[in-house]
N, C-alpha and C. Protein backbone atom coordinates (compact mmCIF):
# COMPACT_ATOMS: atom_id res chain seq x y z
N MET A 1 48.76 -11.87 -52.61
CA MET A 1 48.91 -13.16 -52.02
C MET A 1 47.58 -13.47 -51.50
N ASN A 2 46.22 -13.64 -52.59
CA ASN A 2 45.00 -14.02 -51.93
C ASN A 2 45.12 -15.44 -51.34
N ASP A 3 45.92 -16.26 -52.82
CA ASP A 3 45.70 -17.37 -51.87
C ASP A 3 46.44 -18.16 -51.16
N PRO A 4 46.14 -19.35 -50.11
CA PRO A 4 47.18 -19.76 -49.27
C PRO A 4 48.55 -20.33 -50.26
N ARG A 5 48.91 -19.49 -49.32
CA ARG A 5 50.49 -20.21 -49.40
C ARG A 5 50.78 -21.29 -48.24
N ARG A 6 51.38 -22.09 -48.68
CA ARG A 6 51.25 -23.39 -47.38
C ARG A 6 52.88 -22.87 -46.89
N ILE A 7 53.22 -22.61 -45.84
CA ILE A 7 54.61 -22.34 -44.38
C ILE A 7 55.26 -23.80 -44.43
N TRP A 8 54.37 -24.87 -43.92
CA TRP A 8 55.57 -25.78 -43.56
C TRP A 8 53.77 -27.30 -43.83
N ARG A 9 54.62 -28.45 -44.08
CA ARG A 9 53.92 -29.85 -43.71
C ARG A 9 54.68 -30.91 -43.11
N LEU A 10 53.78 -31.25 -41.69
CA LEU A 10 54.18 -32.19 -41.56
C LEU A 10 53.26 -33.70 -41.00
N ARG A 11 54.07 -35.10 -40.96
CA ARG A 11 53.27 -36.00 -41.53
C ARG A 11 53.86 -37.07 -40.00
N LYS A 12 52.94 -37.79 -40.19
CA LYS A 12 52.61 -38.67 -39.15
C LYS A 12 51.75 -39.93 -39.49
N HIS A 13 52.64 -41.12 -38.94
CA HIS A 13 51.23 -42.21 -39.33
C HIS A 13 50.62 -42.02 -40.57
N GLN A 14 50.98 -41.65 -41.60
CA GLN A 14 50.26 -41.39 -42.86
C GLN A 14 49.14 -40.66 -43.24
N HIS A 15 49.14 -39.68 -42.06
CA HIS A 15 48.24 -38.42 -42.25
C HIS A 15 49.09 -36.99 -42.09
N SER A 16 48.52 -35.88 -42.45
CA SER A 16 49.86 -34.83 -42.41
C SER A 16 48.77 -33.91 -42.35
N VAL A 17 49.93 -32.63 -41.80
CA VAL A 17 49.12 -31.13 -41.31
C VAL A 17 49.85 -29.88 -41.99
N ASP A 18 49.03 -29.18 -42.52
CA ASP A 18 49.81 -28.01 -43.12
C ASP A 18 49.48 -26.47 -42.39
N ALA A 19 50.43 -26.07 -42.92
CA ALA A 19 49.48 -24.66 -42.33
C ALA A 19 49.86 -23.50 -43.45
N GLU A 20 48.99 -22.91 -43.54
CA GLU A 20 48.95 -21.75 -44.38
C GLU A 20 48.63 -20.65 -44.27
N LEU A 21 48.82 -19.55 -45.07
CA LEU A 21 48.98 -18.31 -44.65
C LEU A 21 48.67 -17.38 -45.52
N ARG A 22 47.41 -16.59 -45.54
CA ARG A 22 47.04 -15.97 -47.09
C ARG A 22 46.41 -14.42 -46.29
N GLU A 23 46.63 -13.54 -47.76
CA GLU A 23 46.41 -11.94 -46.72
C GLU A 23 45.18 -12.12 -47.06
N ALA A 24 44.16 -11.63 -45.57
CA ALA A 24 42.52 -11.86 -45.39
C ALA A 24 42.05 -10.60 -45.91
N PRO A 25 40.73 -10.86 -46.80
CA PRO A 25 40.13 -9.68 -47.48
C PRO A 25 39.91 -8.09 -46.47
N ALA A 26 39.39 -8.71 -45.28
CA ALA A 26 39.59 -7.15 -44.68
C ALA A 26 40.33 -6.77 -43.81
N GLY A 27 41.91 -7.39 -44.27
CA GLY A 27 43.21 -6.58 -43.45
C GLY A 27 43.39 -8.01 -43.06
N GLY A 28 45.15 -8.17 -42.88
CA GLY A 28 45.92 -8.79 -42.03
C GLY A 28 45.90 -9.64 -42.50
N PHE A 29 46.40 -11.04 -41.88
CA PHE A 29 46.68 -12.36 -42.32
C PHE A 29 45.91 -13.31 -41.27
N CYS A 30 45.26 -14.43 -42.34
CA CYS A 30 44.95 -15.39 -42.04
C CYS A 30 45.75 -16.55 -41.75
N ILE A 31 46.21 -17.28 -40.65
CA ILE A 31 46.57 -18.46 -40.69
C ILE A 31 45.51 -19.67 -40.05
N ARG A 32 46.26 -20.88 -41.40
CA ARG A 32 44.70 -21.90 -41.18
C ARG A 32 45.77 -23.07 -41.01
N PHE A 33 44.86 -24.14 -40.18
CA PHE A 33 45.53 -25.35 -40.25
C PHE A 33 45.10 -26.52 -40.78
N LEU A 34 44.89 -27.42 -41.34
CA LEU A 34 44.30 -28.22 -42.27
C LEU A 34 44.97 -29.92 -41.92
N TYR A 35 44.05 -30.80 -41.74
CA TYR A 35 44.68 -32.01 -40.84
C TYR A 35 43.80 -32.71 -42.43
N ASP A 36 44.85 -33.66 -43.24
CA ASP A 36 44.64 -34.40 -44.07
C ASP A 36 43.73 -33.81 -45.11
N GLY A 37 44.44 -32.37 -45.03
CA GLY A 37 43.61 -31.66 -46.21
C GLY A 37 42.36 -30.51 -45.68
N GLU A 38 41.28 -31.28 -44.44
CA GLU A 38 40.35 -30.64 -44.15
C GLU A 38 40.77 -29.41 -43.20
N VAL A 39 40.37 -28.25 -43.22
CA VAL A 39 40.67 -26.93 -42.59
C VAL A 39 40.16 -27.42 -41.10
N THR A 40 40.57 -27.20 -40.34
CA THR A 40 40.44 -27.98 -38.51
C THR A 40 40.71 -26.33 -37.48
N TYR A 41 41.24 -25.50 -38.15
CA TYR A 41 41.53 -24.31 -37.58
C TYR A 41 42.09 -22.87 -38.59
N GLU A 42 41.17 -21.78 -37.90
CA GLU A 42 41.73 -20.48 -38.78
C GLU A 42 41.60 -19.66 -38.07
N ARG A 43 42.48 -18.45 -38.11
CA ARG A 43 42.51 -17.21 -37.41
C ARG A 43 43.23 -16.21 -37.82
N ARG A 44 42.46 -14.67 -37.72
CA ARG A 44 42.98 -13.33 -38.67
C ARG A 44 43.95 -12.83 -37.74
N TRP A 45 44.97 -12.56 -38.01
CA TRP A 45 45.72 -11.36 -37.27
C TRP A 45 46.24 -9.80 -37.90
N PRO A 46 46.35 -9.26 -37.01
CA PRO A 46 46.34 -7.65 -37.68
C PRO A 46 47.82 -7.78 -38.21
N VAL A 47 48.66 -8.47 -38.19
CA VAL A 47 49.93 -8.28 -38.99
C VAL A 47 50.39 -10.01 -39.14
N ARG A 48 51.53 -10.19 -40.13
CA ARG A 48 51.57 -11.06 -40.84
C ARG A 48 52.85 -11.63 -39.76
N VAL A 49 53.66 -10.78 -38.93
CA VAL A 49 54.57 -11.92 -38.16
C VAL A 49 53.97 -12.47 -36.96
N LEU A 50 52.51 -11.93 -36.63
CA LEU A 50 51.98 -12.75 -35.51
C LEU A 50 51.17 -13.78 -36.24
N ALA A 51 50.76 -13.62 -37.23
CA ALA A 51 50.56 -15.61 -37.82
C ALA A 51 51.55 -15.98 -38.01
N LEU A 52 52.43 -15.45 -38.38
CA LEU A 52 53.84 -16.87 -38.40
C LEU A 52 54.38 -17.27 -36.95
N ALA A 53 54.10 -16.10 -36.05
CA ALA A 53 54.62 -16.82 -34.86
C ALA A 53 53.82 -18.33 -34.36
N GLU A 54 52.13 -17.68 -34.65
CA GLU A 54 51.49 -19.08 -33.94
C GLU A 54 51.72 -20.05 -35.08
N ALA A 55 51.83 -20.03 -36.33
CA ALA A 55 51.80 -21.33 -37.11
C ALA A 55 53.42 -22.03 -36.42
N ALA A 56 54.60 -21.11 -36.20
CA ALA A 56 55.95 -21.55 -35.15
C ALA A 56 55.72 -22.29 -34.00
N GLU A 57 54.68 -21.63 -33.23
CA GLU A 57 54.39 -22.18 -32.31
C GLU A 57 53.84 -24.08 -32.11
N LYS A 58 52.75 -23.78 -33.17
CA LYS A 58 51.85 -24.76 -33.42
C LYS A 58 52.68 -26.30 -34.30
N ARG A 59 53.80 -25.93 -34.90
CA ARG A 59 54.45 -26.96 -35.37
C ARG A 59 55.40 -27.58 -34.18
N ALA A 60 55.82 -26.59 -33.31
CA ALA A 60 56.99 -27.10 -32.53
C ALA A 60 55.89 -28.01 -31.49
N GLU A 61 54.78 -27.53 -31.29
CA GLU A 61 53.75 -28.77 -30.42
C GLU A 61 53.97 -29.81 -31.25
N LEU A 62 53.43 -29.61 -32.12
CA LEU A 62 53.29 -31.37 -33.14
C LEU A 62 54.66 -31.51 -32.96
N GLU A 63 55.60 -31.12 -33.43
CA GLU A 63 57.33 -31.76 -33.24
C GLU A 63 57.37 -32.49 -32.03
N ARG A 64 56.86 -32.05 -30.95
CA ARG A 64 56.81 -32.66 -29.32
C ARG A 64 56.18 -33.91 -29.86
N GLY A 65 54.83 -33.69 -30.36
CA GLY A 65 54.24 -35.24 -30.05
C GLY A 65 54.84 -36.03 -31.28
N GLY A 66 55.76 -36.05 -31.96
CA GLY A 66 56.79 -37.13 -33.33
C GLY A 66 56.17 -36.56 -34.52
N TRP A 67 55.61 -35.57 -35.09
CA TRP A 67 55.43 -35.24 -36.01
C TRP A 67 56.24 -34.59 -36.82
N MET A 68 56.73 -35.23 -38.52
CA MET A 68 57.75 -35.14 -39.01
C MET A 68 57.87 -33.96 -40.24
N SER A 69 58.42 -33.45 -39.88
CA SER A 69 58.96 -32.45 -41.24
C SER A 69 58.45 -33.29 -43.35
N HIS A 70 58.06 -32.47 -43.72
CA HIS A 70 57.47 -33.51 -44.87
C HIS A 70 57.44 -32.35 -45.82
N TRP A 71 57.57 -32.11 -46.75
CA TRP A 71 57.12 -31.13 -47.88
C TRP A 71 56.74 -31.84 -49.26
């Protein structure tokens, strides 16, 4: 899984936020967030479950702010 895989997409007022997961070249997994297709944040985690947990936390935060699920 070297190519990014979208975990989720949220939309609000014609804008989108995506969460992508990919295997890191040096090991572990990278989670990154994109705002309207532009990378705004990226972090490497040693294991997949921690990267997915961060994505879940960010999604919950955005949904509390009125962002809605969209694929």
